[in-house]
Amino acid sequence: MTKQNIALLAAVILLGVIPVLMHWNSKDENLFTGADDKAGKTIESINPDYKVWAEPVFEPAGELASLLFALQAAIGAGLLGYAIGYYRGRHKSVNPGKETGKNA
């Protein structure tokens, strides 16, 4: 491995480890709750008389919400990967003699 690859690998590992270490000893009991829950609790603490004026059309029960979120992420990643591959292949077919990404 080159020094550049090792530095990139170390950066990726640090990007994954640092957020976990920042909240390791946190006293927040709702550490891994969603942003919607935290926003609702903050609004209630600021203004206890606040009344919700909109309700969700469909609220999935239990783990179905997690499944739908993961499915949405997978479909988005698939479409993004397809688009990148399509345009890269199209670029290579237009310029067959050129190698992309390498210094000649």
N, C-alpha and C. Protein backbone atom coordinates (compact mmCIF):
# COMPACT_ATOMS: atom_id res chain seq x y z
N MET A 1 0.84 -1.19 0.00
CA MET A 1 0.00 0.00 0.00
C MET A 1 0.88 1.24 0.00
N THR A 2 0.43 2.22 -0.71
CA THR A 2 1.19 3.47 -0.74
C THR A 2 0.85 4.31 0.48
N LYS A 3 1.67 5.32 0.70
CA LYS A 3 1.44 6.21 1.84
C LYS A 3 0.11 6.93 1.71
N GLN A 4 -0.27 7.26 0.47
CA GLN A 4 -1.54 7.95 0.25
C GLN A 4 -2.71 7.05 0.63
N ASN A 5 -2.65 5.77 0.25
CA ASN A 5 -3.72 4.83 0.60
C ASN A 5 -3.83 4.63 2.10
N ILE A 6 -2.70 4.55 2.76
CA ILE A 6 -2.70 4.38 4.21
C ILE A 6 -3.30 5.61 4.89
N ALA A 7 -2.95 6.81 4.40
CA ALA A 7 -3.51 8.03 4.96
C ALA A 7 -5.02 8.10 4.75
N LEU A 8 -5.48 7.70 3.57
CA LEU A 8 -6.92 7.70 3.30
C LEU A 8 -7.65 6.69 4.19
N LEU A 9 -7.07 5.52 4.36
CA LEU A 9 -7.68 4.50 5.22
C LEU A 9 -7.74 4.99 6.67
N ALA A 10 -6.69 5.64 7.13
CA ALA A 10 -6.69 6.18 8.49
C ALA A 10 -7.75 7.27 8.65
N ALA A 11 -7.91 8.10 7.62
CA ALA A 11 -8.93 9.16 7.68
C ALA A 11 -10.32 8.57 7.74
N VAL A 12 -10.58 7.53 6.97
CA VAL A 12 -11.90 6.88 6.97
C VAL A 12 -12.18 6.26 8.34
N ILE A 13 -11.19 5.60 8.91
CA ILE A 13 -11.36 5.00 10.23
C ILE A 13 -11.64 6.08 11.27
N LEU A 14 -10.89 7.17 11.22
CA LEU A 14 -11.12 8.26 12.17
C LEU A 14 -12.50 8.87 12.02
N LEU A 15 -12.98 9.01 10.78
CA LEU A 15 -14.32 9.55 10.56
C LEU A 15 -15.40 8.65 11.14
N GLY A 16 -15.13 7.37 11.23
CA GLY A 16 -16.09 6.46 11.83
C GLY A 16 -15.98 6.37 13.34
N VAL A 17 -14.78 6.52 13.88
CA VAL A 17 -14.55 6.33 15.31
C VAL A 17 -14.80 7.61 16.11
N ILE A 18 -14.43 8.77 15.58
CA ILE A 18 -14.54 10.01 16.34
C ILE A 18 -15.97 10.30 16.80
N PRO A 19 -17.00 10.18 15.96
CA PRO A 19 -18.36 10.45 16.47
C PRO A 19 -18.78 9.51 17.59
N VAL A 20 -18.35 8.27 17.55
CA VAL A 20 -18.69 7.32 18.62
C VAL A 20 -17.99 7.74 19.91
N LEU A 21 -16.73 8.13 19.81
CA LEU A 21 -16.00 8.53 21.01
C LEU A 21 -16.54 9.82 21.61
N MET A 22 -17.06 10.71 20.77
CA MET A 22 -17.60 11.97 21.27
C MET A 22 -18.81 11.75 22.17
N HIS A 23 -19.58 10.70 21.92
CA HIS A 23 -20.79 10.44 22.70
C HIS A 23 -20.68 9.22 23.60
N TRP A 24 -19.48 8.75 23.82
CA TRP A 24 -19.27 7.52 24.60
C TRP A 24 -19.83 7.65 26.01
N ASN A 25 -19.53 8.74 26.69
CA ASN A 25 -19.96 8.94 28.08
C ASN A 25 -21.10 9.94 28.19
N SER A 26 -21.86 10.10 27.14
CA SER A 26 -22.95 11.06 27.16
C SER A 26 -24.04 10.62 28.13
N LYS A 27 -24.59 11.56 28.85
CA LYS A 27 -25.66 11.25 29.81
C LYS A 27 -27.04 11.37 29.16
N ASP A 28 -27.08 11.67 27.87
CA ASP A 28 -28.34 11.80 27.14
C ASP A 28 -28.94 10.42 26.95
N GLU A 29 -30.11 10.19 27.53
CA GLU A 29 -30.74 8.88 27.43
C GLU A 29 -31.31 8.62 26.04
N ASN A 30 -31.58 9.67 25.29
CA ASN A 30 -32.11 9.53 23.94
C ASN A 30 -31.03 9.82 22.90
N LEU A 31 -29.87 9.24 23.10
CA LEU A 31 -28.72 9.54 22.26
C LEU A 31 -28.95 9.16 20.81
N PHE A 32 -29.59 8.03 20.57
CA PHE A 32 -29.74 7.54 19.21
C PHE A 32 -31.17 7.68 18.69
N THR A 33 -31.92 8.62 19.23
CA THR A 33 -33.26 8.87 18.70
C THR A 33 -33.14 9.73 17.46
N GLY A 34 -34.20 9.78 16.67
CA GLY A 34 -34.18 10.55 15.44
C GLY A 34 -34.28 12.04 15.68
N ALA A 35 -33.97 12.79 14.65
CA ALA A 35 -34.02 14.25 14.73
C ALA A 35 -35.45 14.73 14.95
N ASP A 36 -36.43 14.03 14.39
CA ASP A 36 -37.82 14.44 14.57
C ASP A 36 -38.22 14.38 16.04
N ASP A 37 -37.82 13.31 16.72
CA ASP A 37 -38.15 13.18 18.14
C ASP A 37 -37.49 14.27 18.98
N LYS A 38 -36.22 14.54 18.70
CA LYS A 38 -35.51 15.57 19.46
C LYS A 38 -36.12 16.94 19.20
N ALA A 39 -36.49 17.22 17.96
CA ALA A 39 -37.10 18.52 17.64
C ALA A 39 -38.43 18.68 18.36
N GLY A 40 -39.23 17.63 18.38
CA GLY A 40 -40.52 17.69 19.08
C GLY A 40 -40.37 17.94 20.56
N LYS A 41 -39.40 17.27 21.17
CA LYS A 41 -39.18 17.47 22.61
C LYS A 41 -38.65 18.87 22.90
N THR A 42 -37.82 19.39 22.01
CA THR A 42 -37.30 20.74 22.19
C THR A 42 -38.42 21.77 22.09
N ILE A 43 -39.31 21.59 21.11
CA ILE A 43 -40.44 22.51 20.96
C ILE A 43 -41.34 22.45 22.19
N GLU A 44 -41.59 21.25 22.70
CA GLU A 44 -42.42 21.13 23.90
C GLU A 44 -41.77 21.80 25.10
N SER A 45 -40.44 21.73 25.20
CA SER A 45 -39.78 22.37 26.34
C SER A 45 -39.79 23.89 26.21
N ILE A 46 -39.76 24.41 25.00
CA ILE A 46 -39.79 25.86 24.79
C ILE A 46 -41.20 26.40 24.98
N ASN A 47 -42.17 25.71 24.37
CA ASN A 47 -43.55 26.19 24.40
C ASN A 47 -44.48 25.01 24.72
N PRO A 48 -44.80 24.78 25.99
CA PRO A 48 -45.64 23.64 26.36
C PRO A 48 -47.06 23.70 25.81
N ASP A 49 -47.52 24.89 25.42
CA ASP A 49 -48.89 25.03 24.89
C ASP A 49 -48.97 24.81 23.39
N TYR A 50 -47.87 24.46 22.75
CA TYR A 50 -47.86 24.28 21.30
C TYR A 50 -48.77 23.13 20.90
N LYS A 51 -49.57 23.36 19.88
CA LYS A 51 -50.46 22.31 19.36
C LYS A 51 -50.00 21.94 17.96
N VAL A 52 -49.88 20.65 17.72
CA VAL A 52 -49.48 20.15 16.41
C VAL A 52 -50.57 20.48 15.40
N TRP A 53 -50.21 21.07 14.27
CA TRP A 53 -51.22 21.47 13.29
C TRP A 53 -51.21 20.59 12.04
N ALA A 54 -50.32 19.60 11.98
CA ALA A 54 -50.29 18.67 10.84
C ALA A 54 -49.99 17.27 11.36
N GLU A 55 -50.63 16.30 10.80
CA GLU A 55 -50.41 14.90 11.16
C GLU A 55 -49.90 14.15 9.94
N PRO A 56 -49.07 13.11 10.15
CA PRO A 56 -48.60 12.33 9.01
C PRO A 56 -49.74 11.60 8.33
N VAL A 57 -49.64 11.45 7.01
CA VAL A 57 -50.66 10.74 6.25
C VAL A 57 -50.56 9.25 6.55
N PHE A 58 -49.34 8.74 6.61
CA PHE A 58 -49.10 7.32 6.86
C PHE A 58 -47.94 7.21 7.84
N GLU A 59 -48.16 6.54 8.95
CA GLU A 59 -47.11 6.34 9.93
C GLU A 59 -46.91 4.84 10.13
N PRO A 60 -45.82 4.29 9.58
CA PRO A 60 -45.60 2.85 9.68
C PRO A 60 -45.35 2.41 11.13
N ALA A 61 -45.79 1.22 11.43
CA ALA A 61 -45.66 0.70 12.79
C ALA A 61 -44.33 -0.03 12.96
N GLY A 62 -43.72 0.15 14.10
CA GLY A 62 -42.54 -0.62 14.49
C GLY A 62 -41.37 -0.51 13.55
N GLU A 63 -40.81 -1.65 13.22
CA GLU A 63 -39.61 -1.71 12.40
C GLU A 63 -39.89 -1.51 10.91
N LEU A 64 -41.14 -1.38 10.54
CA LEU A 64 -41.46 -1.13 9.14
C LEU A 64 -40.87 0.20 8.69
N ALA A 65 -40.81 1.19 9.58
CA ALA A 65 -40.20 2.48 9.24
C ALA A 65 -38.73 2.31 8.91
N SER A 66 -38.01 1.51 9.69
CA SER A 66 -36.60 1.25 9.41
C SER A 66 -36.43 0.53 8.09
N LEU A 67 -37.30 -0.43 7.83
CA LEU A 67 -37.24 -1.16 6.56
C LEU A 67 -37.46 -0.23 5.38
N LEU A 68 -38.45 0.63 5.47
CA LEU A 68 -38.72 1.56 4.38
C LEU A 68 -37.58 2.54 4.19
N PHE A 69 -36.96 2.99 5.27
CA PHE A 69 -35.82 3.89 5.16
C PHE A 69 -34.64 3.19 4.49
N ALA A 70 -34.37 1.95 4.89
CA ALA A 70 -33.27 1.20 4.28
C ALA A 70 -33.55 0.91 2.81
N LEU A 71 -34.79 0.61 2.48
CA LEU A 71 -35.17 0.36 1.09
C LEU A 71 -34.98 1.63 0.26
N GLN A 72 -35.37 2.76 0.80
CA GLN A 72 -35.20 4.03 0.10
C GLN A 72 -33.71 4.30 -0.13
N ALA A 73 -32.87 4.05 0.86
CA ALA A 73 -31.44 4.27 0.71
C ALA A 73 -30.84 3.32 -0.33
N ALA A 74 -31.28 2.06 -0.33
CA ALA A 74 -30.77 1.09 -1.29
C ALA A 74 -31.16 1.46 -2.72
N ILE A 75 -32.40 1.88 -2.91
CA ILE A 75 -32.84 2.28 -4.25
C ILE A 75 -32.06 3.50 -4.72
N GLY A 76 -31.87 4.48 -3.84
CA GLY A 76 -31.10 5.67 -4.20
C GLY A 76 -29.66 5.33 -4.54
N ALA A 77 -29.02 4.45 -3.75
CA ALA A 77 -27.64 4.06 -4.03
C ALA A 77 -27.55 3.30 -5.35
N GLY A 78 -28.54 2.45 -5.62
CA GLY A 78 -28.56 1.72 -6.89
C GLY A 78 -28.69 2.65 -8.08
N LEU A 79 -29.58 3.62 -7.98
CA LEU A 79 -29.75 4.57 -9.08
C LEU A 79 -28.50 5.42 -9.28
N LEU A 80 -27.89 5.86 -8.18
CA LEU A 80 -26.67 6.65 -8.28
C LEU A 80 -25.53 5.82 -8.90
N GLY A 81 -25.38 4.58 -8.47
CA GLY A 81 -24.35 3.70 -9.05
C GLY A 81 -24.58 3.43 -10.52
N TYR A 82 -25.84 3.23 -10.90
CA TYR A 82 -26.17 3.02 -12.31
C TYR A 82 -25.81 4.25 -13.14
N ALA A 83 -26.17 5.43 -12.64
CA ALA A 83 -25.89 6.66 -13.39
C ALA A 83 -24.39 6.88 -13.55
N ILE A 84 -23.63 6.66 -12.48
CA ILE A 84 -22.17 6.83 -12.57
C ILE A 84 -21.59 5.84 -13.57
N GLY A 85 -22.01 4.58 -13.49
CA GLY A 85 -21.50 3.57 -14.43
C GLY A 85 -21.91 3.86 -15.86
N TYR A 86 -23.13 4.32 -16.05
CA TYR A 86 -23.61 4.63 -17.40
C TYR A 86 -22.80 5.74 -18.03
N TYR A 87 -22.61 6.83 -17.30
CA TYR A 87 -21.87 7.96 -17.86
C TYR A 87 -20.39 7.66 -18.00
N ARG A 88 -19.83 6.84 -17.14
CA ARG A 88 -18.43 6.45 -17.29
C ARG A 88 -18.27 5.57 -18.53
N GLY A 89 -19.19 4.63 -18.73
CA GLY A 89 -19.13 3.79 -19.92
C GLY A 89 -19.35 4.59 -21.20
N ARG A 90 -20.24 5.55 -21.14
CA ARG A 90 -20.49 6.40 -22.30
C ARG A 90 -19.25 7.23 -22.63
N HIS A 91 -18.57 7.72 -21.59
CA HIS A 91 -17.35 8.49 -21.81
C HIS A 91 -16.27 7.61 -22.43
N LYS A 92 -16.15 6.38 -21.96
CA LYS A 92 -15.14 5.48 -22.51
C LYS A 92 -15.45 5.10 -23.95
N SER A 93 -16.73 4.96 -24.31
CA SER A 93 -17.07 4.59 -25.68
C SER A 93 -16.83 5.75 -26.64
N VAL A 94 -16.95 6.99 -26.16
CA VAL A 94 -16.70 8.16 -27.00
C VAL A 94 -15.19 8.37 -27.16
N ASN A 95 -14.43 8.09 -26.12
CA ASN A 95 -12.97 8.26 -26.13
C ASN A 95 -12.30 6.91 -25.87
N PRO A 96 -12.30 5.98 -26.84
CA PRO A 96 -11.80 4.63 -26.56
C PRO A 96 -10.30 4.55 -26.33
N GLY A 97 -9.50 5.48 -26.82
CA GLY A 97 -8.06 5.40 -26.66
C GLY A 97 -7.55 6.00 -25.37
N LYS A 98 -8.37 6.79 -24.70
CA LYS A 98 -7.93 7.47 -23.48
C LYS A 98 -8.23 6.64 -22.25
N GLU A 99 -7.27 6.58 -21.33
CA GLU A 99 -7.51 5.95 -20.04
C GLU A 99 -7.87 7.05 -19.06
N THR A 100 -9.02 6.92 -18.42
CA THR A 100 -9.45 7.96 -17.50
C THR A 100 -8.85 7.75 -16.13
N GLY A 101 -8.47 8.84 -15.50
CA GLY A 101 -8.00 8.78 -14.12
C GLY A 101 -6.56 8.41 -13.94
N LYS A 102 -5.82 8.21 -15.02
CA LYS A 102 -4.42 7.83 -14.90
C LYS A 102 -3.56 8.85 -15.65
N ASN A 103 -2.42 9.14 -15.06
CA ASN A 103 -1.47 10.03 -15.73
C ASN A 103 -0.64 9.22 -16.70
N ALA A 104 -0.61 9.62 -17.95
CA ALA A 104 0.12 8.87 -18.96
C ALA A 104 1.50 9.43 -19.15
